Structures are given as C-alpha cells and as structure tokens.
Amino acid sequence: MELFKGQSLLEFTERFKTDLDCEEYLASLKWEDGIFTASKTHNSKEYTITQIRRNRRKITEEIINKKTNEKTNEKTICEIITY
C-alpha cells in the first residue's frame, strides 16, 4: 500500500501491534460514517452494516441448507446393500 511505502518493519509493527489494530485500520478504510463502500471498484452503491450482516446470514443459511440436502441425498453402503 502506498501509505506504508518507505516505512521500516519496526515502524509498521509499532503501528499494528495487535490484530485489533489492523482490523480497526482496515475497517476505517472500508467504513465511513457507518456505510460500506467498495474502494477497489469505487462502487457507488453503499451498504449499511445491517444490510451486510443480513446478506451474510442469508448466504450462510443457503450454504448450510445445500450441505444438508447433499447429505440427505447420499446413500450409505448399508442402504445400498439392503436395497
């Protein structure tokens, strides 16, 4: 990142002593006034924290449901033999 060019490893580790320091820095880049904006694509569509959490929850539920359906469609060796 341009921001850290010219910094030594010591200076960098002083700035980011913990994972929380890093997380807070990254969040400050992505979240401004509680609104998420995609900085890489400069997408003008903004998402609130609530919208992102809701979407993440929905995606997680879809993944769990898909895995559950795959397991119920699989037959065990015992089921195949007795069939």
PDB file of N, CA and C in Angstrom:
ATOM      1  N   MET A   1       0.831  -1.168   0.000  1.00  0.00           N
ATOM      2  CA  MET A   1       0.000   0.000   0.000  1.00  0.00           C
ATOM      3  C   MET A   1       0.880   1.238   0.000  1.00  0.00           C
ATOM      4  N   GLU A   2       0.439   2.228  -0.700  1.00  0.00           N
ATOM      5  CA  GLU A   2       1.190   3.479  -0.792  1.00  0.00           C
ATOM      6  C   GLU A   2       1.450   4.092   0.580  1.00  0.00           C
ATOM      7  N   LEU A   3       0.492   3.951   1.464  1.00  0.00           N
ATOM      8  CA  LEU A   3       0.586   4.559   2.787  1.00  0.00           C
ATOM      9  C   LEU A   3       1.815   4.085   3.560  1.00  0.00           C
ATOM     10  N   PHE A   4       2.234   2.857   3.325  1.00  0.00           N
ATOM     11  CA  PHE A   4       3.321   2.276   4.110  1.00  0.00           C
ATOM     12  C   PHE A   4       4.655   2.245   3.375  1.00  0.00           C
ATOM     13  N   LYS A   5       4.713   2.760   2.167  1.00  0.00           N
ATOM     14  CA  LYS A   5       5.985   2.791   1.439  1.00  0.00           C
ATOM     15  C   LYS A   5       6.982   3.643   2.199  1.00  0.00           C
ATOM     16  N   GLY A   6       8.190   3.147   2.304  1.00  0.00           N
ATOM     17  CA  GLY A   6       9.247   3.883   2.986  1.00  0.00           C
ATOM     18  C   GLY A   6       9.299   3.620   4.480  1.00  0.00           C
ATOM     19  N   GLN A   7       8.335   2.882   5.001  1.00  0.00           N
ATOM     20  CA  GLN A   7       8.361   2.554   6.421  1.00  0.00           C
ATOM     21  C   GLN A   7       9.177   1.294   6.646  1.00  0.00           C
ATOM     22  N   SER A   8       9.857   1.272   7.766  1.00  0.00           N
ATOM     23  CA  SER A   8      10.596   0.064   8.122  1.00  0.00           C
ATOM     24  C   SER A   8       9.633  -0.928   8.766  1.00  0.00           C
ATOM     25  N   LEU A   9      10.078  -2.155   8.880  1.00  0.00           N
ATOM     26  CA  LEU A   9       9.271  -3.175   9.529  1.00  0.00           C
ATOM     27  C   LEU A   9       8.987  -2.790  10.979  1.00  0.00           C
ATOM     28  N   LEU A  10       9.953  -2.178  11.627  1.00  0.00           N
ATOM     29  CA  LEU A  10       9.784  -1.740  13.009  1.00  0.00           C
ATOM     30  C   LEU A  10       8.673  -0.692  13.115  1.00  0.00           C
ATOM     31  N   GLU A  11       8.666   0.274  12.202  1.00  0.00           N
ATOM     32  CA  GLU A  11       7.619   1.302  12.205  1.00  0.00           C
ATOM     33  C   GLU A  11       6.241   0.685  11.951  1.00  0.00           C
ATOM     34  N   PHE A  12       6.212  -0.264  11.024  1.00  0.00           N
ATOM     35  CA  PHE A  12       4.957  -0.933  10.688  1.00  0.00           C
ATOM     36  C   PHE A  12       4.423  -1.716  11.883  1.00  0.00           C
ATOM     37  N   THR A  13       5.297  -2.469  12.545  1.00  0.00           N
ATOM     38  CA  THR A  13       4.854  -3.263  13.696  1.00  0.00           C
ATOM     39  C   THR A  13       4.490  -2.389  14.889  1.00  0.00           C
ATOM     40  N   GLU A  14       5.053  -1.191  14.969  1.00  0.00           N
ATOM     41  CA  GLU A  14       4.642  -0.254  16.019  1.00  0.00           C
ATOM     42  C   GLU A  14       3.211   0.208  15.778  1.00  0.00           C
ATOM     43  N   ARG A  15       2.869   0.416  14.520  1.00  0.00           N
ATOM     44  CA  ARG A  15       1.518   0.879  14.164  1.00  0.00           C
ATOM     45  C   ARG A  15       0.488  -0.218  14.386  1.00  0.00           C
ATOM     46  N   PHE A  16       0.854  -1.457  14.069  1.00  0.00           N
ATOM     47  CA  PHE A  16      -0.068  -2.597  14.167  1.00  0.00           C
ATOM     48  C   PHE A  16       0.474  -3.610  15.165  1.00  0.00           C
ATOM     49  N   LYS A  17       0.345  -3.289  16.424  1.00  0.00           N
ATOM     50  CA  LYS A  17       0.853  -4.171  17.479  1.00  0.00           C
ATOM     51  C   LYS A  17      -0.027  -5.398  17.669  1.00  0.00           C
ATOM     52  N   THR A  18      -1.311  -5.251  17.414  1.00  0.00           N
ATOM     53  CA  THR A  18      -2.250  -6.362  17.619  1.00  0.00           C
ATOM     54  C   THR A  18      -3.127  -6.536  16.383  1.00  0.00           C
ATOM     55  N   ASP A  19      -3.828  -7.663  16.348  1.00  0.00           N
ATOM     56  CA  ASP A  19      -4.787  -7.896  15.265  1.00  0.00           C
ATOM     57  C   ASP A  19      -5.884  -6.841  15.288  1.00  0.00           C
ATOM     58  N   LEU A  20      -6.270  -6.429  16.480  1.00  0.00           N
ATOM     59  CA  LEU A  20      -7.315  -5.415  16.608  1.00  0.00           C
ATOM     60  C   LEU A  20      -6.889  -4.096  15.967  1.00  0.00           C
ATOM     61  N   ASP A  21      -5.616  -3.719  16.130  1.00  0.00           N
ATOM     62  CA  ASP A  21      -5.105  -2.504  15.481  1.00  0.00           C
ATOM     63  C   ASP A  21      -5.285  -2.598  13.967  1.00  0.00           C
ATOM     64  N   CYS A  22      -4.971  -3.758  13.424  1.00  0.00           N
ATOM     65  CA  CYS A  22      -5.088  -3.973  11.977  1.00  0.00           C
ATOM     66  C   CYS A  22      -6.555  -3.945  11.547  1.00  0.00           C
ATOM     67  N   GLU A  23      -7.413  -4.636  12.299  1.00  0.00           N
ATOM     68  CA  GLU A  23      -8.839  -4.662  11.968  1.00  0.00           C
ATOM     69  C   GLU A  23      -9.442  -3.261  11.993  1.00  0.00           C
ATOM     70  N   GLU A  24      -9.084  -2.477  12.998  1.00  0.00           N
ATOM     71  CA  GLU A  24      -9.616  -1.117  13.096  1.00  0.00           C
ATOM     72  C   GLU A  24      -9.153  -0.256  11.922  1.00  0.00           C
ATOM     73  N   TYR A  25      -7.904  -0.431  11.524  1.00  0.00           N
ATOM     74  CA  TYR A  25      -7.384   0.333  10.390  1.00  0.00           C
ATOM     75  C   TYR A  25      -8.127  -0.048   9.101  1.00  0.00           C
ATOM     76  N   LEU A  26      -8.272  -1.356   8.862  1.00  0.00           N
ATOM     77  CA  LEU A  26      -8.954  -1.808   7.649  1.00  0.00           C
ATOM     78  C   LEU A  26     -10.420  -1.379   7.643  1.00  0.00           C
ATOM     79  N   ALA A  27     -11.065  -1.439   8.802  1.00  0.00           N
ATOM     80  CA  ALA A  27     -12.463  -1.000   8.892  1.00  0.00           C
ATOM     81  C   ALA A  27     -12.581   0.486   8.580  1.00  0.00           C
ATOM     82  N   SER A  28     -11.602   1.274   9.018  1.00  0.00           N
ATOM     83  CA  SER A  28     -11.656   2.716   8.749  1.00  0.00           C
ATOM     84  C   SER A  28     -11.534   3.013   7.257  1.00  0.00           C
ATOM     85  N   LEU A  29     -10.855   2.123   6.519  1.00  0.00           N
ATOM     86  CA  LEU A  29     -10.752   2.307   5.071  1.00  0.00           C
ATOM     87  C   LEU A  29     -12.070   1.989   4.371  1.00  0.00           C
ATOM     88  N   LYS A  30     -12.763   0.957   4.844  1.00  0.00           N
ATOM     89  CA  LYS A  30     -13.982   0.485   4.189  1.00  0.00           C
ATOM     90  C   LYS A  30     -15.243   1.178   4.678  1.00  0.00           C
ATOM     91  N   TRP A  31     -15.268   1.536   5.957  1.00  0.00           N
ATOM     92  CA  TRP A  31     -16.481   2.082   6.557  1.00  0.00           C
ATOM     93  C   TRP A  31     -16.282   3.556   6.857  1.00  0.00           C
ATOM     94  N   GLU A  32     -17.105   4.371   6.251  1.00  0.00           N
ATOM     95  CA  GLU A  32     -17.071   5.794   6.546  1.00  0.00           C
ATOM     96  C   GLU A  32     -18.482   6.214   6.924  1.00  0.00           C
ATOM     97  N   ASP A  33     -18.647   6.784   8.076  1.00  0.00           N
ATOM     98  CA  ASP A  33     -19.960   7.183   8.590  1.00  0.00           C
ATOM     99  C   ASP A  33     -20.915   6.000   8.682  1.00  0.00           C
ATOM    100  N   GLY A  34     -20.388   4.794   8.989  1.00  0.00           N
ATOM    101  CA  GLY A  34     -21.237   3.614   9.146  1.00  0.00           C
ATOM    102  C   GLY A  34     -21.744   3.033   7.846  1.00  0.00           C
ATOM    103  N   ILE A  35     -21.175   3.459   6.708  1.00  0.00           N
ATOM    104  CA  ILE A  35     -21.611   2.971   5.399  1.00  0.00           C
ATOM    105  C   ILE A  35     -20.419   2.347   4.686  1.00  0.00           C
ATOM    106  N   PHE A  36     -20.624   1.119   4.170  1.00  0.00           N
ATOM    107  CA  PHE A  36     -19.568   0.397   3.467  1.00  0.00           C
ATOM    108  C   PHE A  36     -19.572   0.792   1.999  1.00  0.00           C
ATOM    109  N   THR A  37     -18.393   1.099   1.474  1.00  0.00           N
ATOM    110  CA  THR A  37     -18.249   1.392   0.056  1.00  0.00           C
ATOM    111  C   THR A  37     -17.078   0.579  -0.481  1.00  0.00           C
ATOM    112  N   ALA A  38     -17.270  -0.079  -1.619  1.00  0.00           N
ATOM    113  CA  ALA A  38     -16.201  -0.874  -2.217  1.00  0.00           C
ATOM    114  C   ALA A  38     -15.154   0.073  -2.786  1.00  0.00           C
ATOM    115  N   SER A  39     -14.003   0.129  -2.143  1.00  0.00           N
ATOM    116  CA  SER A  39     -12.978   1.084  -2.555  1.00  0.00           C
ATOM    117  C   SER A  39     -12.241   0.645  -3.815  1.00  0.00           C
ATOM    118  N   LYS A  40     -12.093  -0.660  -4.012  1.00  0.00           N
ATOM    119  CA  LYS A  40     -11.346  -1.146  -5.168  1.00  0.00           C
ATOM    120  C   LYS A  40     -12.078  -0.836  -6.474  1.00  0.00           C
ATOM    121  N   THR A  41     -13.388  -1.026  -6.471  1.00  0.00           N
ATOM    122  CA  THR A  41     -14.168  -0.782  -7.685  1.00  0.00           C
ATOM    123  C   THR A  41     -14.789   0.602  -7.688  1.00  0.00           C
ATOM    124  N   HIS A  42     -14.643   1.308  -6.584  1.00  0.00           N
ATOM    125  CA  HIS A  42     -15.259   2.629  -6.436  1.00  0.00           C
ATOM    126  C   HIS A  42     -16.753   2.560  -6.712  1.00  0.00           C
ATOM    127  N   ASN A  43     -17.340   1.433  -6.314  1.00  0.00           N
ATOM    128  CA  ASN A  43     -18.768   1.218  -6.490  1.00  0.00           C
ATOM    129  C   ASN A  43     -19.530   2.265  -5.694  1.00  0.00           C
ATOM    130  N   SER A  44     -20.447   2.927  -6.348  1.00  0.00           N
ATOM    131  CA  SER A  44     -21.195   3.990  -5.681  1.00  0.00           C
ATOM    132  C   SER A  44     -22.316   3.441  -4.810  1.00  0.00           C
ATOM    133  N   LYS A  45     -22.618   2.153  -4.966  1.00  0.00           N
ATOM    134  CA  LYS A  45     -23.668   1.565  -4.144  1.00  0.00           C
ATOM    135  C   LYS A  45     -23.123   1.376  -2.736  1.00  0.00           C
ATOM    136  N   GLU A  46     -23.853   1.875  -1.781  1.00  0.00           N
ATOM    137  CA  GLU A  46     -23.399   1.806  -0.402  1.00  0.00           C
ATOM    138  C   GLU A  46     -24.256   0.817   0.373  1.00  0.00           C
ATOM    139  N   TYR A  47     -23.642   0.150   1.311  1.00  0.00           N
ATOM    140  CA  TYR A  47     -24.319  -0.844   2.120  1.00  0.00           C
ATOM    141  C   TYR A  47     -24.165  -0.479   3.589  1.00  0.00           C
ATOM    142  N   THR A  48     -25.249  -0.570   4.328  1.00  0.00           N
ATOM    143  CA  THR A  48     -25.139  -0.340   5.765  1.00  0.00           C
ATOM    144  C   THR A  48     -24.665  -1.627   6.424  1.00  0.00           C
ATOM    145  N   ILE A  49     -24.199  -1.529   7.648  1.00  0.00           N
ATOM    146  CA  ILE A  49     -23.735  -2.709   8.383  1.00  0.00           C
ATOM    147  C   ILE A  49     -24.858  -3.732   8.485  1.00  0.00           C
ATOM    148  N   THR A  50     -26.070  -3.272   8.736  1.00  0.00           N
ATOM    149  CA  THR A  50     -27.215  -4.171   8.873  1.00  0.00           C
ATOM    150  C   THR A  50     -27.462  -4.943   7.587  1.00  0.00           C
ATOM    151  N   GLN A  51     -27.377  -4.281   6.431  1.00  0.00           N
ATOM    152  CA  GLN A  51     -27.594  -4.955   5.149  1.00  0.00           C
ATOM    153  C   GLN A  51     -26.543  -6.033   4.921  1.00  0.00           C
ATOM    154  N   ILE A  52     -25.294  -5.739   5.234  1.00  0.00           N
ATOM    155  CA  ILE A  52     -24.225  -6.714   5.014  1.00  0.00           C
ATOM    156  C   ILE A  52     -24.405  -7.911   5.935  1.00  0.00           C
ATOM    157  N   ARG A  53     -24.743  -7.670   7.195  1.00  0.00           N
ATOM    158  CA  ARG A  53     -24.966  -8.784   8.126  1.00  0.00           C
ATOM    159  C   ARG A  53     -26.128  -9.647   7.664  1.00  0.00           C
ATOM    160  N   ARG A  54     -27.206  -9.017   7.185  1.00  0.00           N
ATOM    161  CA  ARG A  54     -28.374  -9.756   6.717  1.00  0.00           C
ATOM    162  C   ARG A  54     -27.995 -10.612   5.505  1.00  0.00           C
ATOM    163  N   ASN A  55     -27.250 -10.046   4.568  1.00  0.00           N
ATOM    164  CA  ASN A  55     -26.832 -10.797   3.384  1.00  0.00           C
ATOM    165  C   ASN A  55     -25.904 -11.944   3.756  1.00  0.00           C
ATOM    166  N   ARG A  56     -24.989 -11.698   4.692  1.00  0.00           N
ATOM    167  CA  ARG A  56     -24.055 -12.743   5.114  1.00  0.00           C
ATOM    168  C   ARG A  56     -24.818 -13.887   5.771  1.00  0.00           C
ATOM    169  N   ARG A  57     -25.816 -13.546   6.599  1.00  0.00           N
ATOM    170  CA  ARG A  57     -26.624 -14.567   7.269  1.00  0.00           C
ATOM    171  C   ARG A  57     -27.389 -15.393   6.236  1.00  0.00           C
ATOM    172  N   LYS A  58     -27.955 -14.735   5.229  1.00  0.00           N
ATOM    173  CA  LYS A  58     -28.720 -15.424   4.189  1.00  0.00           C
ATOM    174  C   LYS A  58     -27.822 -16.384   3.410  1.00  0.00           C
ATOM    175  N   ILE A  59     -26.640 -15.938   3.051  1.00  0.00           N
ATOM    176  CA  ILE A  59     -25.700 -16.784   2.311  1.00  0.00           C
ATOM    177  C   ILE A  59     -25.281 -17.978   3.156  1.00  0.00           C
ATOM    178  N   THR A  60     -25.012 -17.744   4.443  1.00  0.00           N
ATOM    179  CA  THR A  60     -24.629 -18.830   5.343  1.00  0.00           C
ATOM    180  C   THR A  60     -25.742 -19.862   5.437  1.00  0.00           C
ATOM    181  N   GLU A  61     -26.985 -19.409   5.570  1.00  0.00           N
ATOM    182  CA  GLU A  61     -28.121 -20.328   5.636  1.00  0.00           C
ATOM    183  C   GLU A  61     -28.250 -21.138   4.346  1.00  0.00           C
ATOM    184  N   GLU A  62     -28.024 -20.505   3.199  1.00  0.00           N
ATOM    185  CA  GLU A  62     -28.100 -21.216   1.918  1.00  0.00           C
ATOM    186  C   GLU A  62     -27.033 -22.298   1.834  1.00  0.00           C
ATOM    187  N   ILE A  63     -25.838 -21.996   2.304  1.00  0.00           N
ATOM    188  CA  ILE A  63     -24.748 -22.980   2.285  1.00  0.00           C
ATOM    189  C   ILE A  63     -25.090 -24.155   3.192  1.00  0.00           C
ATOM    190  N   ILE A  64     -25.591 -23.867   4.391  1.00  0.00           N
ATOM    191  CA  ILE A  64     -25.956 -24.933   5.329  1.00  0.00           C
ATOM    192  C   ILE A  64     -27.065 -25.798   4.744  1.00  0.00           C
ATOM    193  N   ASN A  65     -28.081 -25.164   4.146  1.00  0.00           N
ATOM    194  CA  ASN A  65     -29.180 -25.921   3.543  1.00  0.00           C
ATOM    195  C   ASN A  65     -28.688 -26.795   2.400  1.00  0.00           C
ATOM    196  N   LYS A  66     -27.774 -26.275   1.597  1.00  0.00           N
ATOM    197  CA  LYS A  66     -27.237 -27.047   0.477  1.00  0.00           C
ATOM    198  C   LYS A  66     -26.488 -28.269   0.985  1.00  0.00           C
ATOM    199  N   LYS A  67     -25.658 -28.080   2.019  1.00  0.00           N
ATOM    200  CA  LYS A  67     -24.903 -29.204   2.582  1.00  0.00           C
ATOM    201  C   LYS A  67     -25.843 -30.228   3.195  1.00  0.00           C
ATOM    202  N   THR A  68     -26.901 -29.765   3.858  1.00  0.00           N
ATOM    203  CA  THR A  68     -27.875 -30.671   4.463  1.00  0.00           C
ATOM    204  C   THR A  68     -28.574 -31.485   3.387  1.00  0.00           C
ATOM    205  N   ASN A  69     -28.966 -30.833   2.294  1.00  0.00           N
ATOM    206  CA  ASN A  69     -29.629 -31.533   1.193  1.00  0.00           C
ATOM    207  C   ASN A  69     -28.703 -32.547   0.543  1.00  0.00           C
ATOM    208  N   GLU A  70     -27.420 -32.215   0.402  1.00  0.00           N
ATOM    209  CA  GLU A  70     -26.466 -33.150  -0.186  1.00  0.00           C
ATOM    210  C   GLU A  70     -26.329 -34.385   0.687  1.00  0.00           C
ATOM    211  N   LYS A  71     -26.303 -34.193   2.001  1.00  0.00           N
ATOM    212  CA  LYS A  71     -26.156 -35.327   2.917  1.00  0.00           C
ATOM    213  C   LYS A  71     -27.385 -36.225   2.882  1.00  0.00           C
ATOM    214  N   THR A  72     -28.572 -35.643   2.760  1.00  0.00           N
ATOM    215  CA  THR A  72     -29.782 -36.465   2.746  1.00  0.00           C
ATOM    216  C   THR A  72     -29.925 -37.211   1.425  1.00  0.00           C
ATOM    217  N   ASN A  73     -29.306 -36.739   0.368  1.00  0.00           N
ATOM    218  CA  ASN A  73     -29.372 -37.418  -0.924  1.00  0.00           C
ATOM    219  C   ASN A  73     -28.344 -38.536  -1.041  1.00  0.00           C
ATOM    220  N   GLU A  74     -27.328 -38.521  -0.180  1.00  0.00           N
ATOM    221  CA  GLU A  74     -26.306 -39.560  -0.224  1.00  0.00           C
ATOM    222  C   GLU A  74     -26.838 -40.821   0.442  1.00  0.00           C
ATOM    223  N   LYS A  75     -26.555 -41.957  -0.157  1.00  0.00           N
ATOM    224  CA  LYS A  75     -26.968 -43.225   0.439  1.00  0.00           C
ATOM    225  C   LYS A  75     -25.752 -43.868   1.095  1.00  0.00           C
ATOM    226  N   THR A  76     -25.987 -44.456   2.247  1.00  0.00           N
ATOM    227  CA  THR A  76     -24.897 -45.160   2.913  1.00  0.00           C
ATOM    228  C   THR A  76     -24.728 -46.523   2.268  1.00  0.00           C
ATOM    229  N   ILE A  77     -23.617 -47.184   2.537  1.00  0.00           N
ATOM    230  CA  ILE A  77     -23.364 -48.516   1.983  1.00  0.00           C
ATOM    231  C   ILE A  77     -24.446 -49.485   2.446  1.00  0.00           C
ATOM    232  N   CYS A  78     -24.862 -49.381   3.702  1.00  0.00           N
ATOM    233  CA  CYS A  78     -25.917 -50.261   4.228  1.00  0.00           C
ATOM    234  C   CYS A  78     -27.216 -50.084   3.459  1.00  0.00           C
ATOM    235  N   GLU A  79     -27.556 -48.852   3.132  1.00  0.00           N
ATOM    236  CA  GLU A  79     -28.791 -48.599   2.393  1.00  0.00           C
ATOM    237  C   GLU A  79     -28.719 -49.199   0.995  1.00  0.00           C
ATOM    238  N   ILE A  80     -27.557 -49.134   0.362  1.00  0.00           N
ATOM    239  CA  ILE A  80     -27.394 -49.673  -0.991  1.00  0.00           C
ATOM    240  C   ILE A  80     -27.488 -51.193  -0.964  1.00  0.00           C
ATOM    241  N   ILE A  81     -26.839 -51.818   0.019  1.00  0.00           N
ATOM    242  CA  ILE A  81     -26.834 -53.282   0.107  1.00  0.00           C
ATOM    243  C   ILE A  81     -28.240 -53.813   0.381  1.00  0.00           C
ATOM    244  N   THR A  82     -28.966 -53.157   1.280  1.00  0.00           N
ATOM    245  CA  THR A  82     -30.302 -53.645   1.625  1.00  0.00           C
ATOM    246  C   THR A  82     -31.336 -53.306   0.569  1.00  0.00           C
ATOM    247  N   TYR A  83     -31.012 -52.472  -0.374  1.00  0.00           N
ATOM    248  CA  TYR A  83     -31.943 -52.086  -1.418  1.00  0.00           C
ATOM    249  C   TYR A  83     -31.983 -53.175  -2.430  1.00  0.00           C
TER     250      TYR A  83
END
